[in-house]
Amino acid sequence: MAKCAQCGKSTTFGHNRSFSQRATNRAFRPNLQKVTVMENGRLVKKVLCARCIRTLAKTA
């Protein structure tokens, strides 16, 4: 579910760094949104990241 249908962007992992430089795990989640898109003359619901939504708006 947590994956862009257009570019495949998904959650990546890294670390929180405290003042003492202790590393704890954290997740970088993409800005995914459910959108209705026109595809081959049909309306299709897709999960897209914000960047892909912007790009589709530019080309349409």
C-alpha atoms as a PDB file:
ATOM      1  CA  MET A   1       0.000   0.000   0.000  1.00  0.00           C
ATOM      2  CA  ALA A   2       2.684   2.497   0.974  1.00  0.00           C
ATOM      3  CA  LYS A   3       4.124   2.742  -2.535  1.00  0.00           C
ATOM      4  CA  CYS A   4       3.587   5.229  -5.373  1.00  0.00           C
ATOM      5  CA  ALA A   5       1.930   3.524  -8.355  1.00  0.00           C
ATOM      6  CA  GLN A   6       3.814   5.800 -10.789  1.00  0.00           C
ATOM      7  CA  CYS A   7       7.434   5.972  -9.573  1.00  0.00           C
ATOM      8  CA  GLY A   8       7.563   3.269  -6.895  1.00  0.00           C
ATOM      9  CA  LYS A   9       8.606   5.633  -4.105  1.00  0.00           C
ATOM     10  CA  SER A  10       8.155   3.961  -0.706  1.00  0.00           C
ATOM     11  CA  THR A  11       9.222   4.241   2.924  1.00  0.00           C
ATOM     12  CA  THR A  12      12.967   4.503   3.534  1.00  0.00           C
ATOM     13  CA  PHE A  13      14.719   4.155   6.865  1.00  0.00           C
ATOM     14  CA  GLY A  14      17.351   6.157   8.696  1.00  0.00           C
ATOM     15  CA  HIS A  15      18.231   7.356  12.180  1.00  0.00           C
ATOM     16  CA  ASN A  16      17.173  10.040  14.619  1.00  0.00           C
ATOM     17  CA  ARG A  17      20.283  11.628  16.079  1.00  0.00           C
ATOM     18  CA  SER A  18      20.056  13.050  19.578  1.00  0.00           C
ATOM     19  CA  PHE A  19      22.400  15.668  21.017  1.00  0.00           C
ATOM     20  CA  SER A  20      24.577  12.855  22.368  1.00  0.00           C
ATOM     21  CA  GLN A  21      24.645  11.351  18.826  1.00  0.00           C
ATOM     22  CA  ARG A  22      22.744   8.229  19.943  1.00  0.00           C
ATOM     23  CA  ALA A  23      21.064   6.721  16.844  1.00  0.00           C
ATOM     24  CA  THR A  24      17.483   5.466  17.025  1.00  0.00           C
ATOM     25  CA  ASN A  25      15.575   4.116  14.039  1.00  0.00           C
ATOM     26  CA  ARG A  26      13.070   6.239  12.147  1.00  0.00           C
ATOM     27  CA  ALA A  27      11.109   6.093   8.887  1.00  0.00           C
ATOM     28  CA  PHE A  28      10.972   8.620   6.059  1.00  0.00           C
ATOM     29  CA  ARG A  29       7.485   8.211   4.607  1.00  0.00           C
ATOM     30  CA  PRO A  30       6.495   9.605   1.181  1.00  0.00           C
ATOM     31  CA  ASN A  31       3.559  11.988   0.807  1.00  0.00           C
ATOM     32  CA  LEU A  32       1.130   9.473  -0.754  1.00  0.00           C
ATOM     33  CA  GLN A  33      -2.413  10.421  -1.700  1.00  0.00           C
ATOM     34  CA  LYS A  34      -5.350   8.653  -3.332  1.00  0.00           C
ATOM     35  CA  VAL A  35      -6.175  10.335  -6.648  1.00  0.00           C
ATOM     36  CA  THR A  36      -8.522   9.677  -9.550  1.00  0.00           C
ATOM     37  CA  VAL A  37      -6.564   9.787 -12.824  1.00  0.00           C
ATOM     38  CA  MET A  38      -7.658   9.596 -16.459  1.00  0.00           C
ATOM     39  CA  GLU A  39      -5.891   6.596 -18.021  1.00  0.00           C
ATOM     40  CA  ASN A  40      -6.685   5.332 -21.542  1.00  0.00           C
ATOM     41  CA  GLY A  41      -9.983   7.253 -21.507  1.00  0.00           C
ATOM     42  CA  ARG A  42     -11.055   5.763 -18.158  1.00  0.00           C
ATOM     43  CA  LEU A  43     -11.033   7.141 -14.629  1.00  0.00           C
ATOM     44  CA  VAL A  44      -8.758   5.035 -12.407  1.00  0.00           C
ATOM     45  CA  LYS A  45      -8.066   5.439  -8.677  1.00  0.00           C
ATOM     46  CA  LYS A  46      -4.342   5.332  -7.851  1.00  0.00           C
ATOM     47  CA  VAL A  47      -2.059   6.007  -4.902  1.00  0.00           C
ATOM     48  CA  LEU A  48       0.502   8.604  -6.054  1.00  0.00           C
ATOM     49  CA  CYS A  49       3.170  10.687  -4.348  1.00  0.00           C
ATOM     50  CA  ALA A  50       2.863  14.483  -4.379  1.00  0.00           C
ATOM     51  CA  ARG A  51       5.610  14.890  -6.991  1.00  0.00           C
ATOM     52  CA  CYS A  52       3.885  12.522  -9.454  1.00  0.00           C
ATOM     53  CA  ILE A  53       0.575  14.348  -8.955  1.00  0.00           C
ATOM     54  CA  ARG A  54       2.293  17.641  -9.784  1.00  0.00           C
ATOM     55  CA  THR A  55       3.978  16.152 -12.864  1.00  0.00           C
ATOM     56  CA  LEU A  56       0.666  14.738 -14.148  1.00  0.00           C
ATOM     57  CA  ALA A  57      -0.968  18.141 -13.679  1.00  0.00           C
ATOM     58  CA  LYS A  58       1.820  19.773 -15.743  1.00  0.00           C
ATOM     59  CA  THR A  59       1.478  17.373 -18.686  1.00  0.00           C
ATOM     60  CA  ALA A  60      -2.348  17.359 -18.750  1.00  0.00           C
END
